[in-house]
């Protein structure tokens, strides 16, 4: 299943980001290795929900999101392949007769929520200045004002300092989580059909 493949790629992306984060800097309030892969994991879950409920619009929406997410960086280019596959599969699958005409609106709303989550995560960032003290193998980080002046901290000798821009914030992470949860909830809840309307899917 392509949705499961997307989930696997999201896990691999998390491992890659965590490996790249070994540079000398303090950990952020929101871990990139969790927040960014969560966007792609949501795409995989949308694809799985769409496939299990026979909803072509949702599958295509997940594919479009994968294609959009593939352009963020070189590390995410691999999501283009499942994105294309999802669009092709969504265009060929036959929806259940009980589905109503608002499926396109629901799919568009899910796409909007996921894109908004990505924008919130990457836009609600901040700048952080820091100093590292103690042994380089196990440093202690201290966040300092970004005033351009060295701050002396008692109890240790500073061996490194730096300034990071685009640091993920707690506010951005919370907004992202709420929007992603909203996209999944909207898709799952609107996919329920009354038992009286259950119809066997076509095997064509």
Protein backbone atom coordinates (compact mmCIF):
# COMPACT_ATOMS: atom_id res chain seq x y z
CA UNK A 1 0.00 0.00 0.00
CA UNK A 2 1.36 3.39 -1.02
CA UNK A 3 0.16 5.05 2.19
CA UNK A 4 2.27 2.66 4.25
CA UNK A 5 5.24 3.50 2.01
CA UNK A 6 4.75 7.18 2.78
CA UNK A 7 4.71 6.40 6.50
CA UNK A 8 7.96 4.46 6.11
CA UNK A 9 9.56 7.37 4.27
CA UNK A 10 8.43 9.70 7.06
CA UNK A 11 10.20 7.50 9.62
CA UNK A 12 13.34 7.46 7.45
CA UNK A 13 13.17 11.26 7.20
CA UNK A 14 12.99 11.49 10.98
CA UNK A 15 16.11 9.36 11.35
CA UNK A 16 17.91 11.49 8.75
CA UNK A 17 17.00 14.77 10.47
CA UNK A 18 18.05 13.38 13.84
CA UNK A 19 21.41 12.35 12.38
CA UNK A 20 21.92 15.79 10.85
CA UNK A 21 21.12 17.42 14.21
CA UNK A 22 24.35 16.21 15.80
CA UNK A 23 25.97 19.60 15.23
CA UNK A 24 27.03 21.61 18.24
CA UNK A 25 23.85 23.45 19.27
CA UNK A 26 21.21 23.17 21.99
CA UNK A 27 18.06 21.18 21.30
CA UNK A 28 15.03 23.21 20.27
CA UNK A 29 11.70 23.45 22.06
CA UNK A 30 10.19 21.47 19.17
CA UNK A 31 12.24 18.64 17.70
CA UNK A 32 12.58 18.90 13.91
CA UNK A 33 12.96 15.12 13.80
CA UNK A 34 9.34 14.87 14.99
CA UNK A 35 7.59 17.99 13.72
CA UNK A 36 8.63 17.83 10.07
CA UNK A 37 8.11 14.07 9.55
CA UNK A 38 4.68 14.47 11.19
CA UNK A 39 3.58 16.42 8.11
CA UNK A 40 4.51 13.54 5.81
CA UNK A 41 3.12 10.91 8.16
CA UNK A 42 -0.22 12.73 7.96
CA UNK A 43 -0.09 12.45 4.18
CA UNK A 44 0.41 8.71 4.49
CA UNK A 45 -2.47 8.41 6.94
CA UNK A 46 -4.74 10.38 4.62
CA UNK A 47 -3.85 7.96 1.81
CA UNK A 48 -4.60 4.97 4.03
CA UNK A 49 -7.95 6.45 5.12
CA UNK A 50 -8.86 7.25 1.54
CA UNK A 51 -8.00 3.76 0.33
CA UNK A 52 -9.82 1.98 3.17
CA UNK A 53 -12.96 4.08 2.61
CA UNK A 54 -12.81 3.96 -1.21
CA UNK A 55 -12.48 7.75 -1.55
CA UNK A 56 -10.56 8.72 -4.70
CA UNK A 57 -10.57 12.45 -3.90
CA UNK A 58 -8.78 11.86 -0.58
CA UNK A 59 -6.19 9.60 -2.22
CA UNK A 60 -5.50 12.20 -4.90
CA UNK A 61 -5.27 14.89 -2.21
CA UNK A 62 -2.65 12.85 -0.36
CA UNK A 63 -0.73 12.48 -3.62
CA UNK A 64 -0.82 16.21 -4.28
CA UNK A 65 0.46 16.87 -0.75
CA UNK A 66 3.33 14.45 -1.30
CA UNK A 67 4.30 16.25 -4.51
CA UNK A 68 4.17 19.63 -2.78
CA UNK A 69 6.18 18.30 0.16
CA UNK A 70 8.78 16.81 -2.17
CA UNK A 71 9.99 20.27 -3.18
CA UNK A 72 10.86 21.41 0.35
CA UNK A 73 14.41 20.05 0.23
CA UNK A 74 16.65 17.40 -1.28
CA UNK A 75 15.89 15.16 1.72
CA UNK A 76 12.19 15.06 0.81
CA UNK A 77 12.43 14.57 -2.96
CA UNK A 78 11.68 10.86 -2.57
CA UNK A 79 8.07 11.69 -1.68
CA UNK A 80 7.47 12.60 -5.33
CA UNK A 81 7.29 8.92 -6.31
CA UNK A 82 4.47 7.90 -3.94
CA UNK A 83 2.80 11.21 -4.75
CA UNK A 84 2.57 10.32 -8.43
CA UNK A 85 1.44 6.79 -7.58
CA UNK A 86 -1.33 8.06 -5.31
CA UNK A 87 -2.65 10.43 -7.97
CA UNK A 88 -2.67 7.62 -10.53
CA UNK A 89 -4.36 5.20 -8.14
CA UNK A 90 -6.90 7.78 -7.03
CA UNK A 91 -7.86 8.51 -10.60
CA UNK A 92 -8.53 4.82 -11.26
CA UNK A 93 -10.28 3.70 -8.08
CA UNK A 94 -14.07 3.66 -8.08
CA UNK A 95 -15.81 5.41 -5.20
CA UNK A 96 -18.64 3.79 -3.28
CA UNK A 97 -22.10 4.79 -4.58
CA UNK A 98 -23.04 6.19 -1.16
CA UNK A 99 -20.43 8.96 -1.43
CA UNK A 100 -21.90 12.42 -1.84
CA UNK A 101 -20.77 15.24 -4.08
CA UNK A 102 -18.88 17.13 -1.38
CA UNK A 103 -15.89 14.78 -1.47
CA UNK A 104 -13.90 17.30 -3.49
CA UNK A 105 -14.56 20.00 -0.91
CA UNK A 106 -13.50 17.69 1.93
CA UNK A 107 -10.31 16.73 0.09
CA UNK A 108 -9.51 20.39 -0.59
CA UNK A 109 -10.12 21.23 3.07
CA UNK A 110 -7.75 18.45 4.16
CA UNK A 111 -5.07 19.75 1.79
CA UNK A 112 -5.57 23.28 3.11
CA UNK A 113 -5.24 22.13 6.72
CA UNK A 114 -2.01 20.22 6.07
CA UNK A 115 -0.48 23.06 4.06
CA UNK A 116 -1.50 25.52 6.78
CA UNK A 117 0.17 23.27 9.36
CA UNK A 118 3.42 23.35 7.38
CA UNK A 119 3.24 27.12 6.99
CA UNK A 120 2.56 27.60 10.70
CA UNK A 121 5.44 25.33 11.69
CA UNK A 122 7.96 27.04 9.40
CA UNK A 123 6.67 30.60 9.86
CA UNK A 124 6.26 30.71 13.63
CA UNK A 125 9.99 30.43 14.28
CA UNK A 126 12.45 32.48 16.28
CA UNK A 127 16.09 33.31 16.79
CA UNK A 128 18.18 31.82 19.58
CA UNK A 129 21.67 32.65 20.79
CA UNK A 130 23.57 30.27 23.00
CA UNK A 131 26.84 29.38 24.70
CA UNK A 132 28.32 25.95 25.38
CA UNK A 133 30.27 25.22 28.54
CA UNK A 134 31.94 22.20 30.08
CA UNK A 135 33.54 19.27 28.25
CA UNK A 136 32.97 19.29 24.48
CA UNK A 137 31.84 15.66 24.62
CA UNK A 138 29.01 16.54 27.03
CA UNK A 139 28.43 20.29 26.86
CA UNK A 140 25.99 22.34 28.88
CA UNK A 141 24.10 24.90 26.84
CA UNK A 142 22.90 28.27 28.04
CA UNK A 143 20.52 30.43 26.03
CA UNK A 144 21.65 34.06 26.08
CA UNK A 145 20.21 37.33 24.74
CA UNK A 146 21.01 37.96 21.08
CA UNK A 147 22.67 41.31 21.77
CA UNK A 148 25.95 40.70 20.00
CA UNK A 149 27.86 40.75 23.29
CA UNK A 150 29.47 37.80 25.02
CA UNK A 151 27.72 36.81 28.22
CA UNK A 152 29.87 35.30 30.95
CA UNK A 153 28.13 32.54 32.85
CA UNK A 154 29.47 31.61 36.27
CA UNK A 155 30.51 28.07 36.97
CA UNK A 156 32.09 27.10 33.68
CA UNK A 157 34.24 28.15 30.75
CA UNK A 158 32.60 28.87 27.42
CA UNK A 159 34.20 27.01 24.52
CA UNK A 160 31.60 27.68 21.84
CA UNK A 161 28.72 30.01 21.07
CA UNK A 162 26.38 30.63 18.22
CA UNK A 163 23.15 32.07 16.90
CA UNK A 164 20.43 30.00 15.26
CA UNK A 165 17.65 31.45 13.14
CA UNK A 166 14.49 29.66 12.09
CA UNK A 167 14.25 27.76 15.38
CA UNK A 168 10.97 25.88 15.70
CA UNK A 169 8.84 27.20 18.54
CA UNK A 170 6.32 25.61 20.87
CA UNK A 171 3.56 27.79 19.45
CA UNK A 172 4.31 26.69 15.90
CA UNK A 173 4.42 23.06 16.97
CA UNK A 174 1.05 23.29 18.74
CA UNK A 175 -0.62 24.96 15.77
CA UNK A 176 0.83 22.31 13.47
CA UNK A 177 -0.43 19.49 15.68
CA UNK A 178 -3.95 20.95 15.89
CA UNK A 179 -4.20 21.47 12.12
CA UNK A 180 -2.89 18.00 11.29
CA UNK A 181 -5.28 16.45 13.80
CA UNK A 182 -8.08 18.47 12.24
CA UNK A 183 -7.24 17.17 8.76
CA UNK A 184 -7.24 13.55 9.92
CA UNK A 185 -10.41 13.94 11.99
CA UNK A 186 -12.27 15.66 9.16
CA UNK A 187 -11.31 12.95 6.70
CA UNK A 188 -12.09 10.03 8.99
CA UNK A 189 -15.40 11.34 10.32
CA UNK A 190 -16.81 12.38 6.95
CA UNK A 191 -15.95 8.97 5.53
CA UNK A 192 -18.47 7.17 7.69
CA UNK A 193 -21.53 5.90 5.86
CA UNK A 194 -24.84 4.71 7.35
CA UNK A 195 -25.17 0.95 7.55
CA UNK A 196 -28.39 1.13 5.54
CA UNK A 197 -26.47 2.60 2.64
CA UNK A 198 -23.71 0.06 2.58
CA UNK A 199 -23.11 -1.21 -0.93
CA UNK A 200 -20.65 -3.80 -2.07
CA UNK A 201 -17.76 -2.12 -3.98
CA UNK A 202 -17.45 -2.77 -7.69
CA UNK A 203 -14.83 -5.29 -8.76
CA UNK A 204 -14.39 -3.79 -12.22
